[in-house]
């Protein structure tokens, strides 16, 4: 793992970020810091009715994230290397997608007061995939509350991620197109990714394996 002490795997719903973060954690023998969507009691209701439960869902995630940030800055979470499957900035990304103008203003005001400073990763791995593949992966994992996404929702989230990472400069960024990769079960693709991480130089790099 070299000098990397804090690695984040990110990507839209269905990109495989949690599975890859778990595998990297096991391979490197370091701590995994996962997000816990199941701890958000509003999330199932949100997917059934976005407008009615968007604000409560975002604020619940905000409180979770603020507590994690405090533990990282003031506690011992960063005493040893770790890999995580979420970037703190993702909350603002989803808030922009999910909330109307007034709700977003409220969210932003509360975030400014509640969210402490958080550490910047040594490396961010951004997993991309086409819309159809994301939909198929979400369907395959069979989470009940994810089976009834409103039409077009995943595409809006995907577009928001693309826009965000097009401008992202806070940390070194490895952009990985996963359309033709098996990073969970396959050893060959996983080893190629590890080589990309080891060989990475500069602020931005790409890993795109063709068919």
Protein backbone atom coordinates (compact mmCIF):
# COMPACT_ATOMS: atom_id res chain seq x y z
CA UNK A 1 0.00 0.00 0.00
CA UNK A 2 3.07 2.22 0.09
CA UNK A 3 2.41 5.65 1.63
CA UNK A 4 -1.36 5.55 1.19
CA UNK A 5 -3.06 5.76 4.56
CA UNK A 6 -6.57 6.87 3.59
CA UNK A 7 -8.07 5.54 0.36
CA UNK A 8 -11.66 6.17 -0.77
CA UNK A 9 -13.59 4.17 -3.36
CA UNK A 10 -16.52 6.10 -4.83
CA UNK A 11 -19.05 5.86 -7.62
CA UNK A 12 -22.77 5.93 -8.36
CA UNK A 13 -25.25 3.38 -7.03
CA UNK A 14 -24.35 -0.05 -8.43
CA UNK A 15 -20.76 0.80 -9.42
CA UNK A 16 -19.34 -1.73 -6.93
CA UNK A 17 -17.61 0.65 -4.55
CA UNK A 18 -18.47 -1.22 -1.34
CA UNK A 19 -17.34 -4.58 -2.74
CA UNK A 20 -14.05 -3.16 -4.01
CA UNK A 21 -13.36 -1.26 -0.77
CA UNK A 22 -13.92 -4.49 1.16
CA UNK A 23 -11.56 -6.42 -1.11
CA UNK A 24 -8.86 -3.75 -0.87
CA UNK A 25 -9.21 -3.74 2.90
CA UNK A 26 -8.72 -7.51 3.02
CA UNK A 27 -5.85 -7.51 0.52
CA UNK A 28 -3.95 -4.72 2.24
CA UNK A 29 -4.85 -5.93 5.73
CA UNK A 30 -6.18 -2.55 6.82
CA UNK A 31 -9.33 -1.22 8.41
CA UNK A 32 -12.52 -0.80 6.39
CA UNK A 33 -14.67 2.26 7.09
CA UNK A 34 -17.99 1.57 5.32
CA UNK A 35 -20.99 3.77 5.04
CA UNK A 36 -24.11 2.26 6.55
CA UNK A 37 -27.19 3.07 4.46
CA UNK A 38 -29.19 0.54 6.47
CA UNK A 39 -28.83 2.78 9.51
CA UNK A 40 -30.79 5.52 7.77
CA UNK A 41 -34.45 4.82 8.67
CA UNK A 42 -35.74 7.17 5.97
CA UNK A 43 -34.00 5.56 3.00
CA UNK A 44 -36.64 2.90 2.10
CA UNK A 45 -39.35 5.55 2.35
CA UNK A 46 -37.27 7.92 0.25
CA UNK A 47 -37.08 5.48 -2.67
CA UNK A 48 -40.86 5.07 -2.55
CA UNK A 49 -41.47 8.84 -2.44
CA UNK A 50 -38.48 11.08 -3.14
CA UNK A 51 -40.20 14.40 -2.62
CA UNK A 52 -41.78 13.50 0.70
CA UNK A 53 -38.68 12.05 2.37
CA UNK A 54 -35.72 13.67 0.63
CA UNK A 55 -34.90 16.21 3.35
CA UNK A 56 -35.15 13.74 6.24
CA UNK A 57 -32.99 11.23 4.34
CA UNK A 58 -30.28 13.78 3.58
CA UNK A 59 -30.20 15.14 7.13
CA UNK A 60 -29.93 11.63 8.56
CA UNK A 61 -26.94 10.92 6.32
CA UNK A 62 -25.46 14.31 7.25
CA UNK A 63 -25.54 13.44 10.95
CA UNK A 64 -23.93 10.06 10.30
CA UNK A 65 -21.19 11.63 8.22
CA UNK A 66 -20.55 14.43 10.73
CA UNK A 67 -20.02 11.88 13.50
CA UNK A 68 -17.60 9.88 11.35
CA UNK A 69 -15.68 13.04 10.50
CA UNK A 70 -15.35 13.91 14.18
CA UNK A 71 -14.04 10.43 14.94
CA UNK A 72 -11.49 10.72 12.15
CA UNK A 73 -10.27 14.16 13.17
CA UNK A 74 -10.48 13.90 16.97
CA UNK A 75 -10.47 10.15 17.57
CA UNK A 76 -8.31 7.23 16.52
CA UNK A 77 -9.91 6.29 13.18
CA UNK A 78 -6.84 7.51 11.28
CA UNK A 79 -4.31 6.09 13.70
CA UNK A 80 -3.78 3.29 11.18
CA UNK A 81 -4.39 3.06 7.41
CA UNK A 82 -7.96 2.57 6.24
CA UNK A 83 -10.05 2.30 3.11
CA UNK A 84 -13.57 3.69 2.86
CA UNK A 85 -16.45 3.34 0.41
CA UNK A 86 -17.67 6.92 0.63
CA UNK A 87 -16.37 10.41 0.10
CA UNK A 88 -17.64 13.03 2.53
CA UNK A 89 -18.55 15.31 -0.36
CA UNK A 90 -21.10 12.79 -1.64
CA UNK A 91 -23.75 14.10 0.75
CA UNK A 92 -23.76 17.49 -0.93
CA UNK A 93 -23.84 15.77 -4.32
CA UNK A 94 -26.95 13.78 -3.42
CA UNK A 95 -28.56 16.78 -1.75
CA UNK A 96 -28.22 18.69 -5.01
CA UNK A 97 -29.92 15.84 -6.89
CA UNK A 98 -32.65 15.07 -4.35
CA UNK A 99 -33.78 18.40 -2.86
CA UNK A 100 -35.64 21.36 -4.23
CA UNK A 101 -34.20 24.86 -3.94
CA UNK A 102 -35.58 25.70 -0.49
CA UNK A 103 -34.77 22.26 0.93
CA UNK A 104 -31.26 22.49 -0.46
CA UNK A 105 -30.77 25.88 1.15
CA UNK A 106 -31.84 24.44 4.52
CA UNK A 107 -29.55 21.44 4.06
CA UNK A 108 -26.58 23.66 3.16
CA UNK A 109 -27.11 25.89 6.19
CA UNK A 110 -27.26 22.91 8.55
CA UNK A 111 -24.27 21.24 6.89
CA UNK A 112 -22.19 24.37 7.39
CA UNK A 113 -22.98 24.28 11.12
CA UNK A 114 -22.86 20.53 11.76
CA UNK A 115 -20.12 19.19 9.49
CA UNK A 116 -16.62 19.51 10.95
CA UNK A 117 -13.52 19.61 8.81
CA UNK A 118 -12.70 16.16 7.49
CA UNK A 119 -9.45 14.66 6.22
CA UNK A 120 -8.57 14.59 2.53
CA UNK A 121 -7.89 11.11 1.10
CA UNK A 122 -4.47 10.14 -0.19
CA UNK A 123 -6.23 8.54 -3.16
CA UNK A 124 -9.79 8.47 -4.52
CA UNK A 125 -10.80 5.61 -6.84
CA UNK A 126 -13.83 6.65 -8.88
CA UNK A 127 -15.71 3.70 -10.41
CA UNK A 128 -17.63 4.42 -13.60
CA UNK A 129 -20.11 2.24 -15.48
CA UNK A 130 -22.72 2.74 -18.18
CA UNK A 131 -26.32 3.34 -17.14
CA UNK A 132 -27.52 -0.09 -18.30
CA UNK A 133 -24.80 -1.91 -16.39
CA UNK A 134 -25.51 0.08 -13.23
CA UNK A 135 -29.19 -0.84 -13.46
CA UNK A 136 -28.37 -4.51 -13.99
CA UNK A 137 -26.00 -4.58 -11.02
CA UNK A 138 -28.54 -2.93 -8.74
CA UNK A 139 -31.18 -5.44 -9.81
CA UNK A 140 -28.78 -8.36 -9.32
CA UNK A 141 -27.94 -7.50 -5.71
CA UNK A 142 -31.63 -7.54 -4.86
CA UNK A 143 -31.90 -4.95 -2.10
CA UNK A 144 -35.64 -4.66 -1.66
CA UNK A 145 -35.73 -0.89 -1.23
CA UNK A 146 -33.64 -0.42 -4.40
CA UNK A 147 -35.91 -2.39 -6.71
CA UNK A 148 -38.36 0.46 -7.32
CA UNK A 149 -36.13 3.39 -8.20
CA UNK A 150 -38.15 6.17 -9.80
CA UNK A 151 -37.65 6.29 -13.54
CA UNK A 152 -34.53 8.22 -14.47
CA UNK A 153 -33.21 8.50 -10.91
CA UNK A 154 -30.06 6.43 -11.42
CA UNK A 155 -29.25 8.37 -14.57
CA UNK A 156 -29.50 11.66 -12.65
CA UNK A 157 -27.20 10.32 -9.95
CA UNK A 158 -24.77 9.01 -12.56
CA UNK A 159 -24.70 12.41 -14.31
CA UNK A 160 -24.11 14.18 -10.98
CA UNK A 161 -21.12 11.93 -10.25
CA UNK A 162 -19.66 12.53 -13.71
CA UNK A 163 -19.95 16.29 -13.31
CA UNK A 164 -18.51 16.21 -9.78
CA UNK A 165 -15.44 14.16 -10.63
CA UNK A 166 -14.82 16.08 -13.85
CA UNK A 167 -14.03 19.04 -11.59
CA UNK A 168 -12.57 17.16 -8.60
CA UNK A 169 -9.06 18.27 -7.59
CA UNK A 170 -8.96 17.80 -3.81
CA UNK A 171 -7.03 14.50 -3.93
CA UNK A 172 -5.26 12.25 -6.44
CA UNK A 173 -7.95 10.58 -8.55
CA UNK A 174 -7.92 7.21 -10.33
CA UNK A 175 -10.88 6.93 -12.72
CA UNK A 176 -11.82 3.30 -13.43
CA UNK A 177 -14.30 2.25 -16.09
CA UNK A 178 -15.79 -0.99 -14.75
CA UNK A 179 -17.98 -1.97 -17.73
CA UNK A 180 -15.63 -4.84 -18.63
CA UNK A 181 -13.96 -5.45 -15.26
CA UNK A 182 -14.56 -7.97 -12.50
CA UNK A 183 -12.91 -6.40 -9.49
CA UNK A 184 -14.80 -8.48 -6.93
CA UNK A 185 -14.22 -12.10 -7.96
CA UNK A 186 -11.64 -11.95 -10.71
CA UNK A 187 -7.96 -11.93 -9.76
CA UNK A 188 -6.65 -10.72 -13.11
CA UNK A 189 -8.61 -7.46 -13.18
CA UNK A 190 -7.97 -6.84 -9.51
CA UNK A 191 -4.22 -7.25 -10.03
CA UNK A 192 -4.35 -4.81 -12.95
CA UNK A 193 -6.05 -2.29 -10.69
CA UNK A 194 -3.41 -2.76 -8.00
CA UNK A 195 -0.73 -2.12 -10.61
CA UNK A 196 -2.51 1.08 -11.70
CA UNK A 197 -2.58 2.25 -8.08
CA UNK A 198 1.10 1.44 -7.60
CA UNK A 199 2.16 3.11 -10.85
CA UNK A 200 -0.01 6.20 -10.47
CA UNK A 201 1.78 9.52 -10.75
CA UNK A 202 0.28 12.97 -10.61
CA UNK A 203 -3.23 14.05 -9.71
CA UNK A 204 -5.33 12.10 -12.24
CA UNK A 205 -5.07 8.74 -13.94
CA UNK A 206 -7.36 6.40 -15.91
CA UNK A 207 -7.94 2.64 -16.07
CA UNK A 208 -10.14 1.55 -18.97
CA UNK A 209 -10.03 -2.08 -20.09
CA UNK A 210 -11.62 -2.71 -23.47
CA UNK A 211 -13.43 -5.93 -24.34
